[in-house]
């Protein structure tokens, strides 16, 4: 499962929405099998994502994929606190 990465910058959102490729981040959606959440990972509770299980966003798994490889969305991340935690983890991982 992948989380499509969007940003607050409207230009980047417009580019991502209309591109043939998307930036994604892997999400482990069965938290029962995750032993530990690392600093480059963010715990996402069921109520935050709309997914059926607690999940972990894995910042170390950011990649670019073709739009055609993605299926229909199964959840979304509107929670600003969770989004900020992901951005903080991205900054830490890429040392920016």
Protein backbone atom coordinates (compact mmCIF):
# COMPACT_ATOMS: atom_id res chain seq x y z
CA UNK A 1 0.00 0.00 0.00
CA UNK A 2 1.30 3.48 -0.78
CA UNK A 3 0.52 6.97 0.44
CA UNK A 4 0.62 9.55 -2.34
CA UNK A 5 2.71 12.48 -1.17
CA UNK A 6 1.11 15.89 -1.57
CA UNK A 7 2.46 19.19 -0.36
CA UNK A 8 1.01 22.48 0.80
CA UNK A 9 2.53 24.26 -2.19
CA UNK A 10 -0.26 24.61 -4.78
CA UNK A 11 2.13 24.45 -7.74
CA UNK A 12 3.54 21.11 -6.62
CA UNK A 13 0.01 19.80 -5.96
CA UNK A 14 -1.07 20.82 -9.46
CA UNK A 15 2.03 19.20 -10.95
CA UNK A 16 1.47 15.98 -8.97
CA UNK A 17 -2.24 15.83 -9.87
CA UNK A 18 -1.55 16.13 -13.60
CA UNK A 19 1.67 14.14 -13.92
CA UNK A 20 2.07 10.65 -15.34
CA UNK A 21 4.12 9.83 -12.25
CA UNK A 22 3.39 10.24 -8.53
CA UNK A 23 5.60 10.44 -5.46
CA UNK A 24 4.52 7.77 -3.01
CA UNK A 25 5.46 6.48 0.41
CA UNK A 26 4.90 2.88 1.48
CA UNK A 27 2.46 2.27 4.30
CA UNK A 28 2.49 -0.89 6.43
CA UNK A 29 -1.18 -1.35 7.18
CA UNK A 30 -1.09 -4.26 9.62
CA UNK A 31 0.51 -2.76 12.70
CA UNK A 32 0.27 -6.08 14.53
CA UNK A 33 3.32 -7.32 12.59
CA UNK A 34 5.41 -4.18 13.22
CA UNK A 35 7.65 -4.56 16.26
CA UNK A 36 8.91 -1.00 16.44
CA UNK A 37 8.21 2.39 14.88
CA UNK A 38 11.53 3.96 13.85
CA UNK A 39 12.28 7.71 13.66
CA UNK A 40 11.74 7.61 9.88
CA UNK A 41 8.29 6.07 10.36
CA UNK A 42 5.03 7.60 11.55
CA UNK A 43 2.24 5.70 13.30
CA UNK A 44 -1.17 6.39 11.72
CA UNK A 45 -4.21 5.42 13.78
CA UNK A 46 -7.31 3.96 12.13
CA UNK A 47 -9.36 7.12 12.69
CA UNK A 48 -6.73 9.29 11.01
CA UNK A 49 -6.51 7.49 7.66
CA UNK A 50 -9.83 5.78 7.04
CA UNK A 51 -7.97 2.46 6.72
CA UNK A 52 -9.20 -0.67 8.49
CA UNK A 53 -6.05 -1.10 10.60
CA UNK A 54 -3.49 1.04 12.36
CA UNK A 55 -0.75 1.81 9.86
CA UNK A 56 2.84 3.02 9.66
CA UNK A 57 4.02 5.51 7.02
CA UNK A 58 7.58 4.60 6.07
CA UNK A 59 9.50 7.72 5.02
CA UNK A 60 12.52 5.62 4.04
CA UNK A 61 10.34 4.07 1.31
CA UNK A 62 9.58 7.21 -0.75
CA UNK A 63 9.59 6.46 -4.47
CA UNK A 64 8.22 7.65 -7.78
CA UNK A 65 5.79 5.38 -9.61
CA UNK A 66 3.81 5.60 -12.82
CA UNK A 67 0.25 6.82 -12.32
CA UNK A 68 -0.95 3.69 -14.13
CA UNK A 69 0.47 1.51 -11.33
CA UNK A 70 -1.86 3.05 -8.75
CA UNK A 71 -5.35 1.78 -8.06
CA UNK A 72 -8.30 3.54 -6.45
CA UNK A 73 -7.64 5.36 -3.16
CA UNK A 74 -8.65 3.43 -0.04
CA UNK A 75 -8.07 6.17 2.51
CA UNK A 76 -6.75 9.68 2.96
CA UNK A 77 -4.70 11.59 5.48
CA UNK A 78 -6.34 14.89 6.36
CA UNK A 79 -5.07 15.08 9.95
CA UNK A 80 -2.67 18.03 10.10
CA UNK A 81 -0.78 16.67 13.11
CA UNK A 82 -0.07 13.36 11.34
CA UNK A 83 0.91 15.19 8.16
CA UNK A 84 3.32 17.38 10.14
CA UNK A 85 4.86 14.28 11.76
CA UNK A 86 5.44 12.83 8.28
CA UNK A 87 7.03 16.09 7.08
CA UNK A 88 9.26 16.16 10.16
CA UNK A 89 10.35 12.56 9.49
CA UNK A 90 11.06 13.45 5.84
CA UNK A 91 13.20 16.42 6.89
CA UNK A 92 15.10 14.26 9.36
CA UNK A 93 15.63 11.43 6.86
CA UNK A 94 16.88 13.72 4.09
CA UNK A 95 18.71 16.00 6.56
CA UNK A 96 17.00 19.19 5.37
